[in-house]
Protein backbone atom coordinates (compact mmCIF):
# COMPACT_ATOMS: atom_id res chain seq x y z
CA UNK A 1 -38.67 64.47 -46.88
CA UNK A 2 -37.08 66.69 -44.23
CA UNK A 3 -34.85 65.37 -40.69
CA UNK A 4 -37.11 64.83 -37.64
CA UNK A 5 -34.87 68.07 -36.06
CA UNK A 6 -36.14 70.60 -38.42
CA UNK A 7 -39.30 71.76 -40.11
CA UNK A 8 -39.87 71.11 -43.81
CA UNK A 9 -38.34 74.48 -44.76
CA UNK A 10 -35.48 74.36 -42.48
CA UNK A 11 -34.55 70.90 -43.77
CA UNK A 12 -34.96 71.85 -47.01
CA UNK A 13 -32.26 75.03 -46.13
CA UNK A 14 -29.60 72.90 -44.23
CA UNK A 15 -29.56 70.56 -47.58
CA UNK A 16 -28.40 73.92 -49.53
CA UNK A 17 -26.12 74.62 -47.21
CA UNK A 18 -24.72 71.13 -46.80
CA UNK A 19 -25.21 70.96 -50.53
CA UNK A 20 -23.76 74.32 -51.06
CA UNK A 21 -20.64 73.44 -48.69
CA UNK A 22 -19.23 69.89 -49.49
CA UNK A 23 -20.92 69.33 -53.02
CA UNK A 24 -23.56 66.51 -53.87
CA UNK A 25 -21.20 63.49 -53.09
CA UNK A 26 -22.62 60.97 -50.39
CA UNK A 27 -19.91 60.41 -48.33
CA UNK A 28 -21.15 56.95 -46.79
CA UNK A 29 -20.74 55.26 -50.16
CA UNK A 30 -18.84 57.94 -52.35
CA UNK A 31 -21.70 57.83 -55.22
CA UNK A 32 -23.26 60.89 -56.57
CA UNK A 33 -26.40 62.07 -54.99
CA UNK A 34 -29.45 62.72 -57.54
CA UNK A 35 -31.94 63.56 -55.59
CA UNK A 36 -32.15 65.43 -52.79
CA UNK A 37 -29.17 65.67 -50.34
CA UNK A 38 -29.88 64.13 -47.16
CA UNK A 39 -27.89 65.75 -44.17
CA UNK A 40 -26.22 63.71 -42.28
CA UNK A 41 -24.31 63.87 -38.81
CA UNK A 42 -21.09 63.59 -38.61
CA UNK A 43 -21.15 62.64 -35.10
CA UNK A 44 -25.12 61.69 -34.08
CA UNK A 45 -26.59 64.07 -31.99
CA UNK A 46 -27.72 61.50 -29.56
CA UNK A 47 -23.78 60.38 -29.55
CA UNK A 48 -23.20 64.67 -28.65
CA UNK A 49 -22.61 65.70 -32.34
CA UNK A 50 -24.52 69.36 -32.59
CA UNK A 51 -25.98 70.42 -36.16
CA UNK A 52 -23.70 73.09 -36.86
CA UNK A 53 -22.22 72.94 -40.73
CA UNK A 54 -18.66 70.95 -39.84
CA UNK A 55 -21.04 67.80 -38.29
CA UNK A 56 -22.79 67.80 -41.21
CA UNK A 57 -22.36 66.12 -44.44
CA UNK A 58 -24.26 65.38 -47.58
CA UNK A 59 -25.41 61.70 -48.05
CA UNK A 60 -28.33 59.67 -49.93
CA UNK A 61 -31.33 59.06 -46.88
CA UNK A 62 -31.41 55.79 -47.61
CA UNK A 63 -27.72 55.41 -46.41
CA UNK A 64 -28.11 58.22 -44.10
CA UNK A 65 -31.11 56.44 -42.82
CA UNK A 66 -29.03 52.66 -42.68
CA UNK A 67 -26.31 54.33 -40.72
CA UNK A 68 -29.03 55.31 -38.23
CA UNK A 69 -27.00 56.88 -35.53
CA UNK A 70 -23.79 54.70 -35.32
CA UNK A 71 -20.00 56.40 -34.97
CA UNK A 72 -18.56 56.93 -38.81
CA UNK A 73 -16.14 54.66 -39.90
CA UNK A 74 -13.19 56.20 -38.80
CA UNK A 75 -11.67 56.30 -42.33
CA UNK A 76 -14.40 58.41 -42.95
CA UNK A 77 -13.28 60.84 -39.97
CA UNK A 78 -10.44 61.13 -41.38
CA UNK A 79 -10.96 60.91 -45.04
CA UNK A 80 -10.12 64.30 -47.32
CA UNK A 81 -12.62 63.10 -49.45
CA UNK A 82 -15.37 65.54 -49.33
């Protein structure tokens, strides 16, 4: 399922770019992603974040939906695990 920000083709391309850049480990729960990578905005768009690859990280769709537009927890913002 593509993000509401992108059509299906664009969403697939963004997901692939995020996967190639950061791998297949969810940045929110630190578990491997078996299915499709769901690009998550580090700084949510509603809080001023953009769609650049620097602001996107791989996540499970369920982790991404659970987080919604909340700011990322501080340990994730300073972590080098991604």
